[in-house]
C-alpha atoms as a PDB file:
ATOM      1  CA  MET A   1     -10.047  14.837 -14.576  1.00  0.00           C
ATOM      2  CA  ILE A   2     -12.498  12.001 -16.372  1.00  0.00           C
ATOM      3  CA  THR A   3     -11.772  13.480 -19.543  1.00  0.00           C
ATOM      4  CA  TRP A   4      -8.192  14.158 -18.942  1.00  0.00           C
ATOM      5  CA  LEU A   5      -7.700  10.222 -18.064  1.00  0.00           C
ATOM      6  CA  HIS A   6      -9.263   9.277 -21.025  1.00  0.00           C
ATOM      7  CA  THR A   7      -7.314  11.699 -23.240  1.00  0.00           C
ATOM      8  CA  PHE A   8      -3.980  11.770 -22.125  1.00  0.00           C
ATOM      9  CA  LEU A   9      -0.982   8.859 -22.819  1.00  0.00           C
ATOM     10  CA  PRO A  10       1.331   9.295 -19.603  1.00  0.00           C
ATOM     11  CA  THR A  11       5.275   8.858 -20.178  1.00  0.00           C
ATOM     12  CA  THR A  12       7.429   7.427 -17.474  1.00  0.00           C
ATOM     13  CA  ILE A  13      10.308  10.271 -17.496  1.00  0.00           C
ATOM     14  CA  ILE A  14       9.305  13.879 -16.097  1.00  0.00           C
ATOM     15  CA  PHE A  15      12.644  14.830 -17.348  1.00  0.00           C
ATOM     16  CA  ASN A  16      16.503  13.838 -17.823  1.00  0.00           C
ATOM     17  CA  TRP A  17      19.289  16.546 -17.165  1.00  0.00           C
ATOM     18  CA  GLY A  18      22.835  14.487 -17.856  1.00  0.00           C
ATOM     19  CA  PRO A  19      22.924  11.517 -16.079  1.00  0.00           C
ATOM     20  CA  LEU A  20      20.656  12.512 -13.840  1.00  0.00           C
ATOM     21  CA  THR A  21      16.874  11.085 -14.964  1.00  0.00           C
ATOM     22  CA  LEU A  22      13.828  12.007 -13.028  1.00  0.00           C
ATOM     23  CA  HIS A  23      11.227   9.567 -13.283  1.00  0.00           C
ATOM     24  CA  TRP A  24       6.750  10.029 -12.191  1.00  0.00           C
ATOM     25  CA  TYR A  25       7.207   6.364 -10.578  1.00  0.00           C
ATOM     26  CA  GLY A  26      10.060   7.740  -8.218  1.00  0.00           C
ATOM     27  CA  LEU A  27       8.576  11.366  -7.327  1.00  0.00           C
ATOM     28  CA  PHE A  28       5.196   9.761  -6.222  1.00  0.00           C
ATOM     29  CA  ILE A  29       6.847   7.080  -4.186  1.00  0.00           C
ATOM     30  CA  VAL A  30       8.587   9.779  -2.579  1.00  0.00           C
ATOM     31  CA  LEU A  31       5.589  12.177  -1.735  1.00  0.00           C
ATOM     32  CA  GLY A  32       3.712   9.138  -0.070  1.00  0.00           C
ATOM     33  CA  ILE A  33       6.113   8.254   1.879  1.00  0.00           C
ATOM     34  CA  ILE A  34       6.522  12.367   3.170  1.00  0.00           C
ATOM     35  CA  ALA A  35       2.912  12.196   3.370  1.00  0.00           C
ATOM     36  CA  ALA A  36       2.664   9.076   5.478  1.00  0.00           C
ATOM     37  CA  MET A  37       5.459  10.601   7.597  1.00  0.00           C
ATOM     38  CA  LEU A  38       3.484  14.159   8.180  1.00  0.00           C
ATOM     39  CA  VAL A  39       0.723  12.334   9.521  1.00  0.00           C
ATOM     40  CA  SER A  40       2.565  10.124  11.748  1.00  0.00           C
ATOM     41  CA  PHE A  41       4.188  12.961  13.173  1.00  0.00           C
ATOM     42  CA  HIS A  42       1.304  14.590  13.523  1.00  0.00           C
ATOM     43  CA  LEU A  43      -0.709  12.050  14.975  1.00  0.00           C
ATOM     44  CA  GLY A  44       1.989  10.778  17.750  1.00  0.00           C
ATOM     45  CA  LYS A  45       2.630  14.210  18.891  1.00  0.00           C
ATOM     46  CA  LYS A  46      -0.934  15.126  19.571  1.00  0.00           C
ATOM     47  CA  TYR A  47      -2.602  11.168  20.172  1.00  0.00           C
ATOM     48  CA  TYR A  48       0.154   8.812  21.560  1.00  0.00           C
ATOM     49  CA  GLN A  49       2.767  10.857  23.204  1.00  0.00           C
ATOM     50  CA  ILE A  50       5.442   8.983  21.298  1.00  0.00           C
ATOM     51  CA  GLU A  51       8.247  11.460  20.622  1.00  0.00           C
ATOM     52  CA  PRO A  52       9.150  12.238  17.418  1.00  0.00           C
ATOM     53  CA  ASN A  53      12.849  11.026  17.511  1.00  0.00           C
ATOM     54  CA  ASP A  54      11.269   7.942  17.647  1.00  0.00           C
ATOM     55  CA  ILE A  55       8.761   8.540  14.987  1.00  0.00           C
ATOM     56  CA  PHE A  56      12.023   9.483  12.614  1.00  0.00           C
ATOM     57  CA  ASP A  57      13.673   6.277  13.727  1.00  0.00           C
ATOM     58  CA  LEU A  58      10.841   4.130  13.100  1.00  0.00           C
ATOM     59  CA  ALA A  59      10.031   5.411   9.440  1.00  0.00           C
ATOM     60  CA  PHE A  60      13.381   4.842   8.942  1.00  0.00           C
ATOM     61  CA  TRP A  61      13.536   2.015   8.806  1.00  0.00           C
ATOM     62  CA  LEU A  62      10.096   1.086   7.379  1.00  0.00           C
ATOM     63  CA  ILE A  63      11.099   2.928   4.263  1.00  0.00           C
ATOM     64  CA  ILE A  64      14.022   0.959   3.829  1.00  0.00           C
ATOM     65  CA  GLY A  65      12.845  -2.165   5.274  1.00  0.00           C
ATOM     66  CA  GLY A  66       9.479  -1.899   2.886  1.00  0.00           C
ATOM     67  CA  LEU A  67      11.147  -0.873  -0.352  1.00  0.00           C
ATOM     68  CA  ILE A  68      13.325  -3.889   0.092  1.00  0.00           C
ATOM     69  CA  GLY A  69      10.627  -6.239   1.005  1.00  0.00           C
ATOM     70  CA  ALA A  70       8.355  -4.854  -1.770  1.00  0.00           C
ATOM     71  CA  ARG A  71      10.937  -5.421  -4.443  1.00  0.00           C
ATOM     72  CA  LEU A  72      12.512  -9.041  -2.942  1.00  0.00           C
ATOM     73  CA  TYR A  73       8.480 -10.123  -2.749  1.00  0.00           C
ATOM     74  CA  ASP A  74       7.887  -9.109  -6.325  1.00  0.00           C
ATOM     75  CA  ASN A  75      11.068 -10.672  -7.489  1.00  0.00           C
ATOM     76  CA  LEU A  76       9.619 -13.684  -5.945  1.00  0.00           C
ATOM     77  CA  LEU A  77       6.840 -13.806  -7.417  1.00  0.00           C
ATOM     78  CA  GLN A  78       7.995 -13.068 -11.415  1.00  0.00           C
ATOM     79  CA  LEU A  79      11.202 -15.562 -10.344  1.00  0.00           C
ATOM     80  CA  PRO A  80      11.665 -16.524 -14.097  1.00  0.00           C
ATOM     81  CA  TYR A  81      11.277 -13.235 -15.432  1.00  0.00           C
ATOM     82  CA  TYR A  82      14.093 -11.769 -13.047  1.00  0.00           C
ATOM     83  CA  LEU A  83      16.491 -14.892 -13.620  1.00  0.00           C
ATOM     84  CA  LYS A  84      16.254 -14.145 -17.413  1.00  0.00           C
ATOM     85  CA  HIS A  85      17.128 -10.364 -16.754  1.00  0.00           C
ATOM     86  CA  PRO A  86      19.163  -9.962 -14.002  1.00  0.00           C
ATOM     87  CA  GLY A  87      19.803  -6.734 -14.525  1.00  0.00           C
ATOM     88  CA  GLN A  88      16.003  -5.729 -14.245  1.00  0.00           C
ATOM     89  CA  ILE A  89      16.275  -6.930 -10.496  1.00  0.00           C
ATOM     90  CA  LEU A  90      17.048  -3.550  -8.813  1.00  0.00           C
ATOM     91  CA  ALA A  91      15.317  -1.591 -11.765  1.00  0.00           C
ATOM     92  CA  VAL A  92      12.408  -0.561  -8.858  1.00  0.00           C
ATOM     93  CA  TRP A  93      12.261   3.150 -10.996  1.00  0.00           C
ATOM     94  CA  ASN A  94      10.363   0.512 -13.838  1.00  0.00           C
ATOM     95  CA  GLY A  95       7.520  -0.642 -10.955  1.00  0.00           C
ATOM     96  CA  GLY A  96       7.446  -4.039  -9.142  1.00  0.00           C
ATOM     97  CA  LEU A  97       6.937  -2.989  -5.458  1.00  0.00           C
ATOM     98  CA  ALA A  98       4.510  -5.117  -3.846  1.00  0.00           C
ATOM     99  CA  ILE A  99       2.517  -3.906  -1.238  1.00  0.00           C
ATOM    100  CA  HIS A 100       2.059  -7.284   0.709  1.00  0.00           C
ATOM    101  CA  GLY A 101       5.999  -7.505   1.230  1.00  0.00           C
ATOM    102  CA  SER A 102       6.005  -3.900   2.146  1.00  0.00           C
ATOM    103  CA  ILE A 103       3.411  -5.019   4.773  1.00  0.00           C
ATOM    104  CA  ILE A 104       5.442  -8.789   6.006  1.00  0.00           C
ATOM    105  CA  ALA A 105       8.806  -6.399   6.517  1.00  0.00           C
ATOM    106  CA  GLY A 106       6.934  -3.530   8.112  1.00  0.00           C
ATOM    107  CA  VAL A 107       4.908  -6.123  11.030  1.00  0.00           C
ATOM    108  CA  ILE A 108       8.536  -7.326  11.337  1.00  0.00           C
ATOM    109  CA  ILE A 109      10.170  -4.261  11.474  1.00  0.00           C
ATOM    110  CA  ILE A 110       7.126  -3.115  14.206  1.00  0.00           C
ATOM    111  CA  PHE A 111       7.661  -6.287  16.384  1.00  0.00           C
ATOM    112  CA  PHE A 112      11.924  -5.447  16.690  1.00  0.00           C
ATOM    113  CA  PHE A 113      11.419  -1.962  17.330  1.00  0.00           C
ATOM    114  CA  ALA A 114       8.214  -1.962  19.436  1.00  0.00           C
ATOM    115  CA  ARG A 115      10.916  -4.190  21.921  1.00  0.00           C
ATOM    116  CA  SER A 116      13.459  -2.057  21.767  1.00  0.00           C
ATOM    117  CA  LYS A 117      12.055   1.134  22.719  1.00  0.00           C
ATOM    118  CA  LYS A 118       9.731  -0.810  25.555  1.00  0.00           C
ATOM    119  CA  ILE A 119       6.892   0.333  23.339  1.00  0.00           C
ATOM    120  CA  THR A 120       3.355  -1.382  22.780  1.00  0.00           C
ATOM    121  CA  PHE A 121       3.437  -3.189  19.206  1.00  0.00           C
ATOM    122  CA  PHE A 122      -0.138  -2.320  18.237  1.00  0.00           C
ATOM    123  CA  LYS A 123       0.426   1.215  19.516  1.00  0.00           C
ATOM    124  CA  LEU A 124       2.789   1.850  16.504  1.00  0.00           C
ATOM    125  CA  SER A 125       1.007   0.025  14.266  1.00  0.00           C
ATOM    126  CA  ALA A 126      -2.162   2.156  14.747  1.00  0.00           C
ATOM    127  CA  LEU A 127       0.007   5.340  14.590  1.00  0.00           C
ATOM    128  CA  ILE A 128       1.588   3.823  11.341  1.00  0.00           C
ATOM    129  CA  VAL A 129      -1.135   3.019   9.324  1.00  0.00           C
ATOM    130  CA  PRO A 130      -3.846   5.953   8.453  1.00  0.00           C
ATOM    131  CA  GLY A 131      -0.449   7.344   6.882  1.00  0.00           C
ATOM    132  CA  LEU A 132       0.528   4.204   5.414  1.00  0.00           C
ATOM    133  CA  ALA A 133      -3.062   4.043   3.724  1.00  0.00           C
ATOM    134  CA  LEU A 134      -2.068   7.764   2.187  1.00  0.00           C
ATOM    135  CA  GLY A 135       0.959   6.683   0.799  1.00  0.00           C
ATOM    136  CA  GLN A 136      -0.317   4.140  -1.257  1.00  0.00           C
ATOM    137  CA  ALA A 137      -3.079   6.735  -2.452  1.00  0.00           C
ATOM    138  CA  ILE A 138      -0.495   8.707  -3.522  1.00  0.00           C
ATOM    139  CA  GLY A 139       2.300   6.332  -4.268  1.00  0.00           C
ATOM    140  CA  ARG A 140      -0.464   4.391  -6.834  1.00  0.00           C
ATOM    141  CA  TRP A 141      -0.262   7.550  -9.403  1.00  0.00           C
ATOM    142  CA  GLY A 142       3.105   6.396  -9.756  1.00  0.00           C
ATOM    143  CA  ASN A 143       1.750   3.097 -11.749  1.00  0.00           C
ATOM    144  CA  TYR A 144      -0.054   4.975 -13.649  1.00  0.00           C
ATOM    145  CA  PHE A 145       2.690   6.922 -15.464  1.00  0.00           C
ATOM    146  CA  ASN A 146       4.151   3.458 -15.595  1.00  0.00           C
ATOM    147  CA  GLN A 147       1.132   2.193 -17.789  1.00  0.00           C
ATOM    148  CA  GLU A 148       1.013  -0.629 -15.081  1.00  0.00           C
ATOM    149  CA  ILE A 149      -2.055  -1.706 -12.628  1.00  0.00           C
ATOM    150  CA  PHE A 150      -4.943  -1.859 -15.423  1.00  0.00           C
ATOM    151  CA  GLY A 151      -7.932  -3.778 -15.485  1.00  0.00           C
ATOM    152  CA  LEU A 152      -9.715  -4.891 -18.385  1.00  0.00           C
ATOM    153  CA  PRO A 153     -10.850  -3.251 -21.564  1.00  0.00           C
ATOM    154  CA  THR A 154     -13.784  -0.747 -20.781  1.00  0.00           C
ATOM    155  CA  ASN A 155     -15.707   1.611 -22.558  1.00  0.00           C
ATOM    156  CA  LEU A 156     -16.679   4.024 -20.026  1.00  0.00           C
ATOM    157  CA  PRO A 157     -15.939   7.344 -19.975  1.00  0.00           C
ATOM    158  CA  TRP A 158     -12.695   7.507 -17.410  1.00  0.00           C
ATOM    159  CA  GLY A 159     -11.266   4.175 -19.327  1.00  0.00           C
ATOM    160  CA  ILE A 160      -7.453   5.170 -19.269  1.00  0.00           C
ATOM    161  CA  PRO A 161      -5.539   4.743 -22.793  1.00  0.00           C
ATOM    162  CA  ILE A 162      -2.486   2.008 -22.861  1.00  0.00           C
ATOM    163  CA  ALA A 163       0.107   1.674 -25.597  1.00  0.00           C
ATOM    164  CA  VAL A 164       0.073  -1.015 -27.748  1.00  0.00           C
ATOM    165  CA  LEU A 165       3.770  -1.875 -26.261  1.00  0.00           C
ATOM    166  CA  ASN A 166       2.511  -1.821 -22.650  1.00  0.00           C
ATOM    167  CA  ARG A 167      -1.026  -4.188 -23.916  1.00  0.00           C
ATOM    168  CA  PRO A 168      -1.115  -7.511 -23.097  1.00  0.00           C
ATOM    169  CA  THR A 169      -1.203  -9.893 -26.418  1.00  0.00           C
ATOM    170  CA  ASP A 170      -4.446 -10.687 -25.412  1.00  0.00           C
ATOM    171  CA  TYR A 171      -5.800  -7.238 -25.701  1.00  0.00           C
ATOM    172  CA  ILE A 172      -3.564  -6.075 -28.123  1.00  0.00           C
ATOM    173  CA  SER A 173      -6.820  -4.271 -29.852  1.00  0.00           C
ATOM    174  CA  SER A 174      -7.979  -2.597 -27.123  1.00  0.00           C
ATOM    175  CA  GLN A 175      -7.264   1.082 -26.203  1.00  0.00           C
ATOM    176  CA  TYR A 176      -8.832   1.599 -23.300  1.00  0.00           C
ATOM    177  CA  PHE A 177      -9.026   0.415 -19.718  1.00  0.00           C
ATOM    178  CA  HIS A 178      -9.714   0.199 -16.410  1.00  0.00           C
ATOM    179  CA  PRO A 179      -7.900   2.744 -14.194  1.00  0.00           C
ATOM    180  CA  THR A 180      -7.102  -0.174 -11.255  1.00  0.00           C
ATOM    181  CA  PHE A 181      -4.502   2.108 -10.176  1.00  0.00           C
ATOM    182  CA  LEU A 182      -7.271   4.998  -9.500  1.00  0.00           C
ATOM    183  CA  TYR A 183      -9.686   2.509  -7.982  1.00  0.00           C
ATOM    184  CA  GLU A 184      -7.234   1.407  -5.517  1.00  0.00           C
ATOM    185  CA  SER A 185      -5.805   5.177  -4.998  1.00  0.00           C
ATOM    186  CA  LEU A 186      -9.601   5.834  -4.444  1.00  0.00           C
ATOM    187  CA  GLY A 187      -9.733   3.370  -1.837  1.00  0.00           C
ATOM    188  CA  SER A 188      -6.955   3.822   0.514  1.00  0.00           C
ATOM    189  CA  LEU A 189      -7.857   7.823   0.562  1.00  0.00           C
ATOM    190  CA  LEU A 190     -11.377   6.611   2.017  1.00  0.00           C
ATOM    191  CA  ILE A 191      -9.622   4.134   4.284  1.00  0.00           C
ATOM    192  CA  PHE A 192      -6.914   6.844   5.234  1.00  0.00           C
ATOM    193  CA  ILE A 193     -10.016   9.734   6.372  1.00  0.00           C
ATOM    194  CA  ILE A 194     -11.691   6.360   8.100  1.00  0.00           C
ATOM    195  CA  LEU A 195      -8.186   5.823  10.019  1.00  0.00           C
ATOM    196  CA  TYR A 196      -7.708   9.123  10.636  1.00  0.00           C
ATOM    197  CA  LEU A 197     -10.764  10.057  12.049  1.00  0.00           C
ATOM    198  CA  LEU A 198     -11.456   7.633  13.923  1.00  0.00           C
ATOM    199  CA  THR A 199      -7.931   8.370  15.995  1.00  0.00           C
ATOM    200  CA  ILE A 200      -9.428  11.621  16.402  1.00  0.00           C
ATOM    201  CA  ARG A 201     -12.645  10.122  18.021  1.00  0.00           C
ATOM    202  CA  PHE A 202     -11.052   7.565  20.375  1.00  0.00           C
ATOM    203  CA  GLY A 203      -8.593  10.228  21.542  1.00  0.00           C
ATOM    204  CA  LYS A 204     -11.313  13.234  22.208  1.00  0.00           C
ATOM    205  CA  LYS A 205     -13.870  10.021  23.871  1.00  0.00           C
ATOM    206  CA  GLN A 206     -11.188   8.765  25.587  1.00  0.00           C
ATOM    207  CA  LYS A 207      -7.623   8.284  25.903  1.00  0.00           C
ATOM    208  CA  LEU A 208      -6.333   5.852  23.408  1.00  0.00           C
ATOM    209  CA  ASN A 209      -5.666   3.130  24.527  1.00  0.00           C
ATOM    210  CA  LEU A 210      -4.819  -1.454  23.631  1.00  0.00           C
ATOM    211  CA  ASN A 211      -8.545  -1.367  22.640  1.00  0.00           C
ATOM    212  CA  SER A 212      -8.363   1.223  19.930  1.00  0.00           C
ATOM    213  CA  TYR A 213      -5.129   0.288  19.036  1.00  0.00           C
ATOM    214  CA  ILE A 214      -6.037  -2.938  17.779  1.00  0.00           C
ATOM    215  CA  TRP A 215      -9.315  -1.843  16.224  1.00  0.00           C
ATOM    216  CA  LEU A 216      -7.260   0.921  14.260  1.00  0.00           C
ATOM    217  CA  THR A 217      -4.888  -1.754  13.148  1.00  0.00           C
ATOM    218  CA  ALA A 218      -6.925  -3.992  11.751  1.00  0.00           C
ATOM    219  CA  ILE A 219      -9.762  -1.516  10.456  1.00  0.00           C
ATOM    220  CA  TYR A 220      -6.597  -1.442   7.911  1.00  0.00           C
ATOM    221  CA  LEU A 221      -5.609  -4.965   7.515  1.00  0.00           C
ATOM    222  CA  ILE A 222      -9.202  -5.609   6.584  1.00  0.00           C
ATOM    223  CA  SER A 223     -10.606  -3.002   4.580  1.00  0.00           C
ATOM    224  CA  TYR A 224      -7.393  -2.482   2.330  1.00  0.00           C
ATOM    225  CA  SER A 225      -7.089  -6.052   1.883  1.00  0.00           C
ATOM    226  CA  LEU A 226     -10.618  -6.376   0.890  1.00  0.00           C
ATOM    227  CA  LEU A 227     -10.346  -3.855  -1.548  1.00  0.00           C
ATOM    228  CA  ARG A 228      -7.017  -5.697  -2.809  1.00  0.00           C
ATOM    229  CA  PHE A 229      -8.808  -9.177  -3.268  1.00  0.00           C
ATOM    230  CA  LEU A 230     -12.010  -7.280  -5.342  1.00  0.00           C
ATOM    231  CA  LEU A 231      -9.648  -5.558  -7.722  1.00  0.00           C
ATOM    232  CA  GLU A 232      -7.913  -8.489  -8.456  1.00  0.00           C
ATOM    233  CA  PHE A 233     -10.416  -9.744 -10.437  1.00  0.00           C
ATOM    234  CA  ILE A 234     -10.172  -7.518 -12.653  1.00  0.00           C
ATOM    235  CA  ARG A 235      -6.085  -6.508 -12.963  1.00  0.00           C
ATOM    236  CA  LEU A 236      -4.312  -7.373 -16.061  1.00  0.00           C
ATOM    237  CA  ASP A 237      -0.798  -7.404 -14.779  1.00  0.00           C
ATOM    238  CA  TYR A 238       1.158 -10.692 -14.193  1.00  0.00           C
ATOM    239  CA  ALA A 239       0.394 -12.576 -10.588  1.00  0.00           C
ATOM    240  CA  PRO A 240       0.879 -16.559 -10.018  1.00  0.00           C
ATOM    241  CA  LEU A 241      -2.683 -18.502  -9.456  1.00  0.00           C
ATOM    242  CA  PHE A 242      -2.871 -20.519  -6.843  1.00  0.00           C
ATOM    243  CA  LEU A 243      -6.618 -22.483  -6.212  1.00  0.00           C
ATOM    244  CA  GLY A 244      -7.796 -21.044  -8.755  1.00  0.00           C
ATOM    245  CA  LEU A 245      -7.050 -17.471  -7.111  1.00  0.00           C
ATOM    246  CA  ARG A 246      -4.314 -14.466  -7.714  1.00  0.00           C
ATOM    247  CA  TRP A 247      -1.684 -14.682  -5.215  1.00  0.00           C
ATOM    248  CA  PRO A 248      -2.090 -10.825  -4.150  1.00  0.00           C
ATOM    249  CA  GLN A 249      -6.058 -12.525  -3.759  1.00  0.00           C
ATOM    250  CA  VAL A 250      -4.319 -15.631  -1.656  1.00  0.00           C
ATOM    251  CA  MET A 251      -2.478 -13.037   0.558  1.00  0.00           C
ATOM    252  CA  SER A 252      -5.625 -11.005   0.968  1.00  0.00           C
ATOM    253  CA  LEU A 253      -7.838 -13.257   2.126  1.00  0.00           C
ATOM    254  CA  LEU A 254      -4.731 -14.424   4.866  1.00  0.00           C
ATOM    255  CA  ILE A 255      -4.746 -10.836   6.282  1.00  0.00           C
ATOM    256  CA  ILE A 256      -8.223 -10.530   5.836  1.00  0.00           C
ATOM    257  CA  ILE A 257      -8.471 -13.550   8.003  1.00  0.00           C
ATOM    258  CA  GLY A 258      -5.282 -12.329  10.686  1.00  0.00           C
ATOM    259  CA  GLY A 259      -7.622  -8.902  10.622  1.00  0.00           C
ATOM    260  CA  LEU A 260     -10.636 -10.568  12.317  1.00  0.00           C
ATOM    261  CA  LEU A 261      -9.020 -13.138  14.410  1.00  0.00           C
ATOM    262  CA  LEU A 262      -7.044 -10.341  16.367  1.00  0.00           C
ATOM    263  CA  LEU A 263     -10.444  -8.678  16.875  1.00  0.00           C
ATOM    264  CA  ILE A 264     -11.797 -12.323  18.195  1.00  0.00           C
ATOM    265  CA  ILE A 265      -9.239 -12.541  20.269  1.00  0.00           C
ATOM    266  CA  LYS A 266      -8.960  -8.452  21.541  1.00  0.00           C
ATOM    267  CA  ASN A 267     -13.021  -9.262  22.216  1.00  0.00           C
ATOM    268  CA  HIS A 268     -11.659 -12.019  24.340  1.00  0.00           C
ATOM    269  CA  VAL A 269      -9.347 -10.860  26.169  1.00  0.00           C
ATOM    270  CA  PHE A 270     -11.483  -7.805  27.257  1.00  0.00           C
ATOM    271  CA  VAL A 271     -14.429  -9.665  28.374  1.00  0.00           C
ATOM    272  CA  LYS A 272     -11.659 -11.943  30.638  1.00  0.00           C
ATOM    273  CA  LEU A 273     -10.486  -8.387  32.289  1.00  0.00           C
ATOM    274  CA  GLN A 274     -13.811  -7.676  33.147  1.00  0.00           C
ATOM    275  CA  LYS A 275     -14.850 -10.526  34.522  1.00  0.00           C
END
């Protein structure tokens, strides 16, 4: 794989058939969604006792809302560009789906779905996060074929070539760059494995309960946000700055703090219940 990454220059399009154009980015997004749904169906049936129809309904709204949230969030981060190029606002095949926007939309959707179905919010969030991590691991490969989400120049043997048109002007003479998409993909895959194994362990050791739901949700929020925070130090794509940090780093820090507070509150509540 290292040799292939170092020597292969990807293209965005798989094939054209009349008016139909199939993009690699779209393909990997769809594959990621399918993988996430399969994981959620499997875990929901075996460990959560949630009806498949409810999981399907939730997945439908999460897909629609997640895509809208991810695109809207990206549009707002790059508002000056999209105001000048309004025709690109809906061009999702060119990239521009921000995971933080998807997470925000997902939280809102799960909240209202949980209330309508009278299911604990954290039960649904814990069910969703393993598949979400796997979907992110797969979806990041779409960024590779779009030649985006790459990092600083590197001489490492797994550095990826970037076409001149896609290189930042400050690094126009550089040829190989850090494959940050790959780092995030592998990191997300590791997070999926951890969450999946923990779900099995919690499920076998004892029935999943509110305590384990919160743990699984917090582990995803903290681990993915830490991964994203660190990778932002080498990413070269545009992001607004706030207090010297890239905006995704600010969001990641806020989510990490939220995840830690969630665990602190959880422990406090359980200590009180045990007294």
